[in-house]
């Protein structure tokens, strides 16, 4: 849970149909924030040594290059979020090596980053240190995320980036309830890059089939292949006090983030057309794509029926 394993990272080419490249026409941050840069060479050297010791390639996109990737992609989700990111208290749930947390800190957020993997947490601290933002990120190893060491209603934004599909399915509802507990009324859960079971190909592993296999098959085969999650598990699993913020704003934030990421005009027009149709059906395009993207708004307690 909380990070891609070695085999999935090695499958980056399979996941995308070709080598991952940095986009070439990414607009500057409208907030004036500058892209994170490595500023601590000693921490960088230690990060590289520690990554090698764990069997990771520090020059891999998903290790040493992940901060830049997230700046070119996830940043736009944060900057178009209806909850302002600057000055916000943000929980990165499943921080992996801390790349998204570094981007959030660069955008002016105060970050709590948690992961179940203690080795990933150690590398995340070094990652934040080499980018010079460690003082803005509270990085914690949490072995059981059904019990987050965070007070009720104290978080403005929760980022769940490619993580909820790694939560053991039998405890996913409890974990979602815990995330809902720490988020304040009016706060937002940003779910991105989450593998969807609607599609036959699991996006992280690139394997066809397991997404559509019932879970009872695992007991018969003594195997537990990687699966995504159903969109309705995310849409409804955090409790009745949440609404799809993408639907509320007619997908404007979703489409603007995709535009800033450099999505081609043709694909953007397809998403616009999907948005017009799907919102009539009370869903949004990000719930129907192979990688789920949806923003969930926690309503004020007095507004929950």
C-alpha atoms as a PDB file:
ATOM      1  CA  UNK A   1       0.000   0.000   0.000  1.00  0.00           C
ATOM      2  CA  UNK A   2       1.116   3.564  -0.654  1.00  0.00           C
ATOM      3  CA  UNK A   3       3.656   2.968  -3.397  1.00  0.00           C
ATOM      4  CA  UNK A   4       4.357   1.084  -6.586  1.00  0.00           C
ATOM      5  CA  UNK A   5       6.566  -1.947  -6.089  1.00  0.00           C
ATOM      6  CA  UNK A   6       9.723  -2.680  -8.042  1.00  0.00           C
ATOM      7  CA  UNK A   7       7.991  -4.670 -10.751  1.00  0.00           C
ATOM      8  CA  UNK A   8       5.429  -1.932 -11.351  1.00  0.00           C
ATOM      9  CA  UNK A   9       8.072   0.754 -11.534  1.00  0.00           C
ATOM     10  CA  UNK A  10       9.994  -1.344 -14.020  1.00  0.00           C
ATOM     11  CA  UNK A  11       6.826  -1.564 -16.089  1.00  0.00           C
ATOM     12  CA  UNK A  12       6.667   2.208 -16.698  1.00  0.00           C
ATOM     13  CA  UNK A  13       7.137   1.616 -20.419  1.00  0.00           C
ATOM     14  CA  UNK A  14       4.341  -0.966 -20.451  1.00  0.00           C
ATOM     15  CA  UNK A  15       2.025   1.346 -18.548  1.00  0.00           C
ATOM     16  CA  UNK A  16       2.298   4.133 -21.072  1.00  0.00           C
ATOM     17  CA  UNK A  17       3.138   2.486 -24.353  1.00  0.00           C
ATOM     18  CA  UNK A  18       6.600   4.038 -24.386  1.00  0.00           C
ATOM     19  CA  UNK A  19       9.257   5.660 -22.193  1.00  0.00           C
ATOM     20  CA  UNK A  20       7.950   8.325 -19.837  1.00  0.00           C
ATOM     21  CA  UNK A  21       9.117  11.762 -20.858  1.00  0.00           C
ATOM     22  CA  UNK A  22       8.767  15.167 -19.265  1.00  0.00           C
ATOM     23  CA  UNK A  23       6.162  17.249 -21.036  1.00  0.00           C
ATOM     24  CA  UNK A  24       7.683  20.101 -23.025  1.00  0.00           C
ATOM     25  CA  UNK A  25       4.995  22.798 -22.842  1.00  0.00           C
ATOM     26  CA  UNK A  26       4.009  22.863 -19.166  1.00  0.00           C
ATOM     27  CA  UNK A  27       2.812  26.354 -18.164  1.00  0.00           C
ATOM     28  CA  UNK A  28       4.369  28.126 -15.173  1.00  0.00           C
ATOM     29  CA  UNK A  29       2.593  28.025 -11.865  1.00  0.00           C
ATOM     30  CA  UNK A  30      -0.139  30.712 -11.763  1.00  0.00           C
ATOM     31  CA  UNK A  31       0.643  31.159  -8.077  1.00  0.00           C
ATOM     32  CA  UNK A  32       4.224  32.093  -8.903  1.00  0.00           C
ATOM     33  CA  UNK A  33       5.630  29.002  -7.168  1.00  0.00           C
ATOM     34  CA  UNK A  34       8.916  27.785  -8.592  1.00  0.00           C
ATOM     35  CA  UNK A  35       9.592  24.197  -9.580  1.00  0.00           C
ATOM     36  CA  UNK A  36      11.445  22.278  -6.842  1.00  0.00           C
ATOM     37  CA  UNK A  37      15.165  21.839  -7.387  1.00  0.00           C
ATOM     38  CA  UNK A  38      17.747  19.757  -5.561  1.00  0.00           C
ATOM     39  CA  UNK A  39      19.566  22.169  -3.245  1.00  0.00           C
ATOM     40  CA  UNK A  40      21.245  19.860  -0.708  1.00  0.00           C
ATOM     41  CA  UNK A  41      23.952  17.875  -2.437  1.00  0.00           C
ATOM     42  CA  UNK A  42      24.867  15.845   0.644  1.00  0.00           C
ATOM     43  CA  UNK A  43      21.240  14.754   1.088  1.00  0.00           C
ATOM     44  CA  UNK A  44      21.059  14.010  -2.640  1.00  0.00           C
ATOM     45  CA  UNK A  45      24.084  11.729  -2.386  1.00  0.00           C
ATOM     46  CA  UNK A  46      22.549   9.961   0.618  1.00  0.00           C
ATOM     47  CA  UNK A  47      19.218   9.637  -1.223  1.00  0.00           C
ATOM     48  CA  UNK A  48      20.976   7.973  -4.133  1.00  0.00           C
ATOM     49  CA  UNK A  49      22.932   5.653  -1.848  1.00  0.00           C
ATOM     50  CA  UNK A  50      19.814   4.663   0.080  1.00  0.00           C
ATOM     51  CA  UNK A  51      17.835   4.048  -3.115  1.00  0.00           C
ATOM     52  CA  UNK A  52      20.574   1.774  -4.444  1.00  0.00           C
ATOM     53  CA  UNK A  53      20.658  -0.101  -1.137  1.00  0.00           C
ATOM     54  CA  UNK A  54      16.921  -0.790  -1.459  1.00  0.00           C
ATOM     55  CA  UNK A  55      17.309  -2.041  -5.007  1.00  0.00           C
ATOM     56  CA  UNK A  56      15.919   1.086  -6.666  1.00  0.00           C
ATOM     57  CA  UNK A  57      17.473   3.080  -9.482  1.00  0.00           C
ATOM     58  CA  UNK A  58      17.804   6.685  -8.234  1.00  0.00           C
ATOM     59  CA  UNK A  59      17.743   7.885 -11.856  1.00  0.00           C
ATOM     60  CA  UNK A  60      14.393   6.180 -12.529  1.00  0.00           C
ATOM     61  CA  UNK A  61      11.415   8.388 -13.299  1.00  0.00           C
ATOM     62  CA  UNK A  62       9.540   6.805 -10.391  1.00  0.00           C
ATOM     63  CA  UNK A  63      12.369   7.404  -7.889  1.00  0.00           C
ATOM     64  CA  UNK A  64      14.731  10.325  -8.445  1.00  0.00           C
ATOM     65  CA  UNK A  65      12.656  11.826 -11.240  1.00  0.00           C
ATOM     66  CA  UNK A  66       9.278  11.565  -9.571  1.00  0.00           C
ATOM     67  CA  UNK A  67       9.232  15.107  -8.128  1.00  0.00           C
ATOM     68  CA  UNK A  68       9.592  16.622 -11.591  1.00  0.00           C
ATOM     69  CA  UNK A  69       6.932  14.270 -12.942  1.00  0.00           C
ATOM     70  CA  UNK A  70       4.504  15.301 -10.214  1.00  0.00           C
ATOM     71  CA  UNK A  71       5.296  18.980 -10.779  1.00  0.00           C
ATOM     72  CA  UNK A  72       4.359  18.518 -14.433  1.00  0.00           C
ATOM     73  CA  UNK A  73       1.190  16.567 -13.621  1.00  0.00           C
ATOM     74  CA  UNK A  74      -0.266  16.475 -10.095  1.00  0.00           C
ATOM     75  CA  UNK A  75       0.606  20.141  -9.487  1.00  0.00           C
ATOM     76  CA  UNK A  76      -2.177  21.197 -11.824  1.00  0.00           C
ATOM     77  CA  UNK A  77      -4.732  19.182  -9.863  1.00  0.00           C
ATOM     78  CA  UNK A  78      -3.666  20.985  -6.689  1.00  0.00           C
ATOM     79  CA  UNK A  79      -3.642  24.433  -8.278  1.00  0.00           C
ATOM     80  CA  UNK A  80      -7.144  24.009  -9.724  1.00  0.00           C
ATOM     81  CA  UNK A  81      -8.592  22.549  -6.527  1.00  0.00           C
ATOM     82  CA  UNK A  82     -11.550  24.494  -5.134  1.00  0.00           C
ATOM     83  CA  UNK A  83      -9.798  24.488  -1.739  1.00  0.00           C
ATOM     84  CA  UNK A  84      -6.789  26.861  -2.022  1.00  0.00           C
ATOM     85  CA  UNK A  85      -3.529  24.951  -1.712  1.00  0.00           C
ATOM     86  CA  UNK A  86      -1.319  27.763  -0.377  1.00  0.00           C
ATOM     87  CA  UNK A  87      -1.482  27.788   3.412  1.00  0.00           C
ATOM     88  CA  UNK A  88      -3.566  24.616   3.498  1.00  0.00           C
ATOM     89  CA  UNK A  89      -2.878  21.731   5.850  1.00  0.00           C
ATOM     90  CA  UNK A  90      -2.579  18.739   3.531  1.00  0.00           C
ATOM     91  CA  UNK A  91      -2.402  15.032   4.284  1.00  0.00           C
ATOM     92  CA  UNK A  92      -0.624  13.004   1.627  1.00  0.00           C
ATOM     93  CA  UNK A  93      -2.014   9.547   2.233  1.00  0.00           C
ATOM     94  CA  UNK A  94       0.460   6.954   0.947  1.00  0.00           C
ATOM     95  CA  UNK A  95       3.389   9.268   0.281  1.00  0.00           C
ATOM     96  CA  UNK A  96       5.753   6.638  -1.147  1.00  0.00           C
ATOM     97  CA  UNK A  97       9.077   8.468  -1.668  1.00  0.00           C
ATOM     98  CA  UNK A  98       7.561  11.867  -0.904  1.00  0.00           C
ATOM     99  CA  UNK A  99       7.517  13.304  -4.436  1.00  0.00           C
ATOM    100  CA  UNK A 100       3.978  14.651  -4.213  1.00  0.00           C
ATOM    101  CA  UNK A 101       4.683  16.011  -0.737  1.00  0.00           C
ATOM    102  CA  UNK A 102       7.664  17.954  -2.096  1.00  0.00           C
ATOM    103  CA  UNK A 103       5.415  19.498  -4.770  1.00  0.00           C
ATOM    104  CA  UNK A 104       2.739  20.357  -2.197  1.00  0.00           C
ATOM    105  CA  UNK A 105       5.338  22.028   0.031  1.00  0.00           C
ATOM    106  CA  UNK A 106       6.677  23.978  -2.959  1.00  0.00           C
ATOM    107  CA  UNK A 107       3.127  25.239  -3.558  1.00  0.00           C
ATOM    108  CA  UNK A 108       2.956  26.602  -0.014  1.00  0.00           C
ATOM    109  CA  UNK A 109       1.105  23.824   1.799  1.00  0.00           C
ATOM    110  CA  UNK A 110       1.890  22.466   5.247  1.00  0.00           C
ATOM    111  CA  UNK A 111       2.105  18.724   4.683  1.00  0.00           C
ATOM    112  CA  UNK A 112       1.658  15.592   6.759  1.00  0.00           C
ATOM    113  CA  UNK A 113       2.899  12.607   4.760  1.00  0.00           C
ATOM    114  CA  UNK A 114       2.147   9.038   5.842  1.00  0.00           C
ATOM    115  CA  UNK A 115       2.949   5.594   4.464  1.00  0.00           C
ATOM    116  CA  UNK A 116       2.856   2.023   5.760  1.00  0.00           C
ATOM    117  CA  UNK A 117       6.309   1.257   4.312  1.00  0.00           C
ATOM    118  CA  UNK A 118       9.082   2.303   6.688  1.00  0.00           C
ATOM    119  CA  UNK A 119      11.756   2.065   3.977  1.00  0.00           C
ATOM    120  CA  UNK A 120       9.760   4.358   1.698  1.00  0.00           C
ATOM    121  CA  UNK A 121       9.396   6.804   4.594  1.00  0.00           C
ATOM    122  CA  UNK A 122      13.166   6.898   5.130  1.00  0.00           C
ATOM    123  CA  UNK A 123      13.688   7.672   1.464  1.00  0.00           C
ATOM    124  CA  UNK A 124      10.907  10.281   1.546  1.00  0.00           C
ATOM    125  CA  UNK A 125      12.722  12.177   4.301  1.00  0.00           C
ATOM    126  CA  UNK A 126      15.911  12.237   2.268  1.00  0.00           C
ATOM    127  CA  UNK A 127      13.949  13.310  -0.791  1.00  0.00           C
ATOM    128  CA  UNK A 128      12.381  16.225   1.065  1.00  0.00           C
ATOM    129  CA  UNK A 129      15.740  17.159   2.539  1.00  0.00           C
ATOM    130  CA  UNK A 130      17.524  17.216  -0.810  1.00  0.00           C
ATOM    131  CA  UNK A 131      14.826  19.544  -2.178  1.00  0.00           C
ATOM    132  CA  UNK A 132      15.101  21.783   0.881  1.00  0.00           C
ATOM    133  CA  UNK A 133      11.499  21.416   2.070  1.00  0.00           C
ATOM    134  CA  UNK A 134      11.841  18.956   4.954  1.00  0.00           C
ATOM    135  CA  UNK A 135      10.839  21.634   7.485  1.00  0.00           C
ATOM    136  CA  UNK A 136       7.469  21.943   5.705  1.00  0.00           C
ATOM    137  CA  UNK A 137       6.661  18.218   5.686  1.00  0.00           C
ATOM    138  CA  UNK A 138       5.845  16.088   8.720  1.00  0.00           C
ATOM    139  CA  UNK A 139       6.736  12.591   7.465  1.00  0.00           C
ATOM    140  CA  UNK A 140       5.358   9.694   9.508  1.00  0.00           C
ATOM    141  CA  UNK A 141       5.481   5.934   9.297  1.00  0.00           C
ATOM    142  CA  UNK A 142       1.963   4.667  10.075  1.00  0.00           C
ATOM    143  CA  UNK A 143       1.812   0.888  10.046  1.00  0.00           C
ATOM    144  CA  UNK A 144      -1.984   0.751  10.349  1.00  0.00           C
ATOM    145  CA  UNK A 145      -3.765   3.520   8.469  1.00  0.00           C
ATOM    146  CA  UNK A 146      -7.055   2.562  10.084  1.00  0.00           C
ATOM    147  CA  UNK A 147      -5.680   4.608  12.988  1.00  0.00           C
ATOM    148  CA  UNK A 148      -4.150   7.843  11.729  1.00  0.00           C
ATOM    149  CA  UNK A 149      -2.294   9.855  14.420  1.00  0.00           C
ATOM    150  CA  UNK A 150      -4.165  13.030  13.444  1.00  0.00           C
ATOM    151  CA  UNK A 151      -6.910  14.895  15.299  1.00  0.00           C
ATOM    152  CA  UNK A 152     -10.483  15.051  14.019  1.00  0.00           C
ATOM    153  CA  UNK A 153     -11.355  17.641  11.360  1.00  0.00           C
ATOM    154  CA  UNK A 154      -7.871  19.218  11.221  1.00  0.00           C
ATOM    155  CA  UNK A 155      -6.937  18.577   7.568  1.00  0.00           C
ATOM    156  CA  UNK A 156      -7.957  20.897   4.705  1.00  0.00           C
ATOM    157  CA  UNK A 157      -7.015  18.606   1.789  1.00  0.00           C
ATOM    158  CA  UNK A 158      -6.229  14.891   1.524  1.00  0.00           C
ATOM    159  CA  UNK A 159      -4.220  13.748  -1.490  1.00  0.00           C
ATOM    160  CA  UNK A 160      -4.680  10.081  -2.460  1.00  0.00           C
ATOM    161  CA  UNK A 161      -2.373   9.670  -5.436  1.00  0.00           C
ATOM    162  CA  UNK A 162      -2.182   6.118  -6.840  1.00  0.00           C
ATOM    163  CA  UNK A 163      -2.663   4.568  -3.415  1.00  0.00           C
ATOM    164  CA  UNK A 164      -6.199   3.405  -2.585  1.00  0.00           C
ATOM    165  CA  UNK A 165      -5.930   0.446  -4.974  1.00  0.00           C
ATOM    166  CA  UNK A 166      -3.054  -0.847  -2.808  1.00  0.00           C
ATOM    167  CA  UNK A 167      -5.081  -0.806   0.410  1.00  0.00           C
ATOM    168  CA  UNK A 168      -6.175  -4.386   1.265  1.00  0.00           C
ATOM    169  CA  UNK A 169      -9.745  -4.529   0.072  1.00  0.00           C
ATOM    170  CA  UNK A 170     -11.133  -5.908   3.332  1.00  0.00           C
ATOM    171  CA  UNK A 171      -9.973  -2.819   5.267  1.00  0.00           C
ATOM    172  CA  UNK A 172     -10.587  -0.174   2.593  1.00  0.00           C
ATOM    173  CA  UNK A 173     -13.890   1.028   4.137  1.00  0.00           C
ATOM    174  CA  UNK A 174     -12.211   1.519   7.522  1.00  0.00           C
ATOM    175  CA  UNK A 175      -9.339   3.424   5.942  1.00  0.00           C
ATOM    176  CA  UNK A 176     -11.758   5.633   4.036  1.00  0.00           C
ATOM    177  CA  UNK A 177     -13.638   6.329   7.252  1.00  0.00           C
ATOM    178  CA  UNK A 178     -10.411   7.343   8.941  1.00  0.00           C
ATOM    179  CA  UNK A 179      -9.541   9.734   6.110  1.00  0.00           C
ATOM    180  CA  UNK A 180     -13.034  11.230   6.409  1.00  0.00           C
ATOM    181  CA  UNK A 181     -12.557  11.653  10.176  1.00  0.00           C
ATOM    182  CA  UNK A 182      -9.434  13.828   9.908  1.00  0.00           C
ATOM    183  CA  UNK A 183     -10.770  16.029   7.075  1.00  0.00           C
ATOM    184  CA  UNK A 184     -12.549  19.205   8.133  1.00  0.00           C
ATOM    185  CA  UNK A 185     -16.021  20.093   6.848  1.00  0.00           C
ATOM    186  CA  UNK A 186     -15.530  22.003   3.610  1.00  0.00           C
ATOM    187  CA  UNK A 187     -12.288  20.152   2.930  1.00  0.00           C
ATOM    188  CA  UNK A 188     -11.445  18.142  -0.177  1.00  0.00           C
ATOM    189  CA  UNK A 189     -10.196  14.638  -0.952  1.00  0.00           C
ATOM    190  CA  UNK A 190      -8.203  14.639  -4.203  1.00  0.00           C
ATOM    191  CA  UNK A 191      -8.119  11.144  -5.706  1.00  0.00           C
ATOM    192  CA  UNK A 192      -5.804  10.807  -8.710  1.00  0.00           C
ATOM    193  CA  UNK A 193      -4.076   8.075 -10.684  1.00  0.00           C
ATOM    194  CA  UNK A 194      -6.161   5.332  -9.075  1.00  0.00           C
ATOM    195  CA  UNK A 195      -6.533   2.139 -11.110  1.00  0.00           C
ATOM    196  CA  UNK A 196     -10.155   1.440 -12.092  1.00  0.00           C
ATOM    197  CA  UNK A 197     -11.738  -2.010 -12.185  1.00  0.00           C
ATOM    198  CA  UNK A 198     -14.056  -0.854 -14.956  1.00  0.00           C
ATOM    199  CA  UNK A 199     -11.248  -1.553 -17.414  1.00  0.00           C
ATOM    200  CA  UNK A 200      -9.840  -5.024 -18.205  1.00  0.00           C
ATOM    201  CA  UNK A 201      -6.217  -3.863 -18.060  1.00  0.00           C
ATOM    202  CA  UNK A 202      -4.859  -2.949 -14.631  1.00  0.00           C
ATOM    203  CA  UNK A 203      -2.974   0.279 -15.303  1.00  0.00           C
ATOM    204  CA  UNK A 204      -0.030  -0.158 -12.923  1.00  0.00           C
ATOM    205  CA  UNK A 205       0.893  -3.754 -13.717  1.00  0.00           C
ATOM    206  CA  UNK A 206      -0.321  -3.648 -17.319  1.00  0.00           C
ATOM    207  CA  UNK A 207      -1.933  -7.062 -16.842  1.00  0.00           C
ATOM    208  CA  UNK A 208      -5.225  -7.891 -18.546  1.00  0.00           C
ATOM    209  CA  UNK A 209      -7.887  -9.823 -16.674  1.00  0.00           C
ATOM    210  CA  UNK A 210      -7.573  -9.562 -12.879  1.00  0.00           C
ATOM    211  CA  UNK A 211      -9.677  -6.375 -12.702  1.00  0.00           C
ATOM    212  CA  UNK A 212     -12.699  -8.363 -13.865  1.00  0.00           C
ATOM    213  CA  UNK A 213     -12.034 -11.501 -11.831  1.00  0.00           C
ATOM    214  CA  UNK A 214     -14.174 -11.865  -8.676  1.00  0.00           C
ATOM    215  CA  UNK A 215     -12.103 -11.851  -5.490  1.00  0.00           C
ATOM    216  CA  UNK A 216     -13.274 -15.331  -4.454  1.00  0.00           C
ATOM    217  CA  UNK A 217     -11.120 -16.665  -7.314  1.00  0.00           C
ATOM    218  CA  UNK A 218      -8.054 -15.661  -5.273  1.00  0.00           C
ATOM    219  CA  UNK A 219      -8.913 -18.328  -2.677  1.00  0.00           C
ATOM    220  CA  UNK A 220      -9.153 -20.978  -5.375  1.00  0.00           C
ATOM    221  CA  UNK A 221      -5.861 -20.054  -7.010  1.00  0.00           C
ATOM    222  CA  UNK A 222      -3.960 -18.997  -3.864  1.00  0.00           C
ATOM    223  CA  UNK A 223      -2.971 -15.818  -5.714  1.00  0.00           C
ATOM    224  CA  UNK A 224      -3.898 -12.185  -5.148  1.00  0.00           C
ATOM    225  CA  UNK A 225      -3.195 -10.246  -8.339  1.00  0.00           C
ATOM    226  CA  UNK A 226      -3.134  -6.476  -8.331  1.00  0.00           C
ATOM    227  CA  UNK A 227      -6.578  -5.010  -8.978  1.00  0.00           C
ATOM    228  CA  UNK A 228      -7.993  -1.544  -9.216  1.00  0.00           C
ATOM    229  CA  UNK A 229     -11.037  -0.305  -7.328  1.00  0.00           C
ATOM    230  CA  UNK A 230     -14.583   0.289  -8.509  1.00  0.00           C
ATOM    231  CA  UNK A 231     -15.417   3.989  -8.971  1.00  0.00           C
ATOM    232  CA  UNK A 232     -18.450   3.733  -6.686  1.00  0.00           C
ATOM    233  CA  UNK A 233     -16.226   2.440  -3.885  1.00  0.00           C
ATOM    234  CA  UNK A 234     -14.433   5.782  -4.016  1.00  0.00           C
ATOM    235  CA  UNK A 235     -17.487   7.909  -4.658  1.00  0.00           C
ATOM    236  CA  UNK A 236     -19.513   6.456  -1.777  1.00  0.00           C
ATOM    237  CA  UNK A 237     -16.937   4.863   0.514  1.00  0.00           C
ATOM    238  CA  UNK A 238     -16.009   7.946   2.548  1.00  0.00           C
ATOM    239  CA  UNK A 239     -19.507   8.334   3.920  1.00  0.00           C
ATOM    240  CA  UNK A 240     -22.761  10.170   3.192  1.00  0.00           C
ATOM    241  CA  UNK A 241     -21.305  13.590   3.937  1.00  0.00           C
ATOM    242  CA  UNK A 242     -19.372  13.817   0.671  1.00  0.00           C
ATOM    243  CA  UNK A 243     -20.290  15.066  -2.780  1.00  0.00           C
ATOM    244  CA  UNK A 244     -18.514  14.929  -6.138  1.00  0.00           C
ATOM    245  CA  UNK A 245     -16.963  18.397  -6.415  1.00  0.00           C
ATOM    246  CA  UNK A 246     -16.206  17.800 -10.105  1.00  0.00           C
ATOM    247  CA  UNK A 247     -19.916  17.497 -10.782  1.00  0.00           C
ATOM    248  CA  UNK A 248     -20.688  20.582  -8.688  1.00  0.00           C
ATOM    249  CA  UNK A 249     -18.405  22.786 -10.830  1.00  0.00           C
ATOM    250  CA  UNK A 250     -19.410  21.065 -14.110  1.00  0.00           C
ATOM    251  CA  UNK A 251     -15.898  19.559 -14.393  1.00  0.00           C
ATOM    252  CA  UNK A 252     -14.271  22.969 -14.948  1.00  0.00           C
ATOM    253  CA  UNK A 253     -11.404  22.287 -12.518  1.00  0.00           C
ATOM    254  CA  UNK A 254     -10.901  18.777 -13.901  1.00  0.00           C
ATOM    255  CA  UNK A 255     -10.752  19.994 -17.505  1.00  0.00           C
ATOM    256  CA  UNK A 256      -8.502  22.937 -16.646  1.00  0.00           C
ATOM    257  CA  UNK A 257      -6.028  20.615 -14.901  1.00  0.00           C
ATOM    258  CA  UNK A 258      -5.968  18.337 -17.948  1.00  0.00           C
ATOM    259  CA  UNK A 259      -5.400  21.353 -20.207  1.00  0.00           C
ATOM    260  CA  UNK A 260      -2.470  22.550 -18.088  1.00  0.00           C
ATOM    261  CA  UNK A 261      -0.961  19.054 -18.144  1.00  0.00           C
ATOM    262  CA  UNK A 262      -0.662  19.403 -21.907  1.00  0.00           C
ATOM    263  CA  UNK A 263      -3.466  17.079 -22.984  1.00  0.00           C
ATOM    264  CA  UNK A 264      -3.943  17.273 -26.740  1.00  0.00           C
ATOM    265  CA  UNK A 265      -6.852  19.415 -28.017  1.00  0.00           C
ATOM    266  CA  UNK A 266      -8.519  16.327 -29.491  1.00  0.00           C
ATOM    267  CA  UNK A 267      -8.490  14.402 -26.235  1.00  0.00           C
ATOM    268  CA  UNK A 268      -9.537  17.484 -24.316  1.00  0.00           C
ATOM    269  CA  UNK A 269     -12.548  17.890 -26.596  1.00  0.00           C
ATOM    270  CA  UNK A 270     -13.473  14.256 -25.976  1.00  0.00           C
ATOM    271  CA  UNK A 271     -13.371  14.868 -22.218  1.00  0.00           C
ATOM    272  CA  UNK A 272     -15.487  18.003 -22.610  1.00  0.00           C
ATOM    273  CA  UNK A 273     -18.093  16.029 -24.523  1.00  0.00           C
ATOM    274  CA  UNK A 274     -17.971  13.285 -21.894  1.00  0.00           C
ATOM    275  CA  UNK A 275     -18.437  15.869 -19.156  1.00  0.00           C
ATOM    276  CA  UNK A 276     -21.598  17.259 -20.752  1.00  0.00           C
ATOM    277  CA  UNK A 277     -23.099  13.783 -21.040  1.00  0.00           C
ATOM    278  CA  UNK A 278     -21.930  12.151 -17.824  1.00  0.00           C
ATOM    279  CA  UNK A 279     -22.901  14.996 -15.508  1.00  0.00           C
ATOM    280  CA  UNK A 280     -26.494  14.450 -16.618  1.00  0.00           C
ATOM    281  CA  UNK A 281     -26.070  10.879 -15.351  1.00  0.00           C
ATOM    282  CA  UNK A 282     -24.658  12.143 -12.018  1.00  0.00           C
ATOM    283  CA  UNK A 283     -21.123  10.912 -12.755  1.00  0.00           C
ATOM    284  CA  UNK A 284     -18.021  12.636 -14.126  1.00  0.00           C
ATOM    285  CA  UNK A 285     -15.387  11.668 -16.758  1.00  0.00           C
ATOM    286  CA  UNK A 286     -12.650  11.034 -14.213  1.00  0.00           C
ATOM    287  CA  UNK A 287     -14.705   8.201 -12.735  1.00  0.00           C
ATOM    288  CA  UNK A 288     -14.824   6.409 -16.087  1.00  0.00           C
ATOM    289  CA  UNK A 289     -11.188   6.566 -17.218  1.00  0.00           C
ATOM    290  CA  UNK A 290      -8.635   3.753 -16.606  1.00  0.00           C
ATOM    291  CA  UNK A 291      -7.005   5.920 -13.926  1.00  0.00           C
ATOM    292  CA  UNK A 292      -9.686   7.405 -11.703  1.00  0.00           C
ATOM    293  CA  UNK A 293      -9.597  11.101 -10.896  1.00  0.00           C
ATOM    294  CA  UNK A 294     -12.232  12.692  -8.678  1.00  0.00           C
ATOM    295  CA  UNK A 295     -12.428  15.491  -6.123  1.00  0.00           C
ATOM    296  CA  UNK A 296     -14.719  14.839  -3.158  1.00  0.00           C
ATOM    297  CA  UNK A 297     -15.982  17.713  -1.017  1.00  0.00           C
ATOM    298  CA  UNK A 298     -16.867  17.112   2.627  1.00  0.00           C
ATOM    299  CA  UNK A 299     -20.055  19.017   3.308  1.00  0.00           C
ATOM    300  CA  UNK A 300     -20.649  20.972   6.487  1.00  0.00           C
ATOM    301  CA  UNK A 301     -22.213  18.768   9.151  1.00  0.00           C
ATOM    302  CA  UNK A 302     -25.442  20.767   9.190  1.00  0.00           C
ATOM    303  CA  UNK A 303     -25.842  20.229   5.440  1.00  0.00           C
ATOM    304  CA  UNK A 304     -25.642  16.438   5.644  1.00  0.00           C
ATOM    305  CA  UNK A 305     -29.111  14.918   5.451  1.00  0.00           C
END
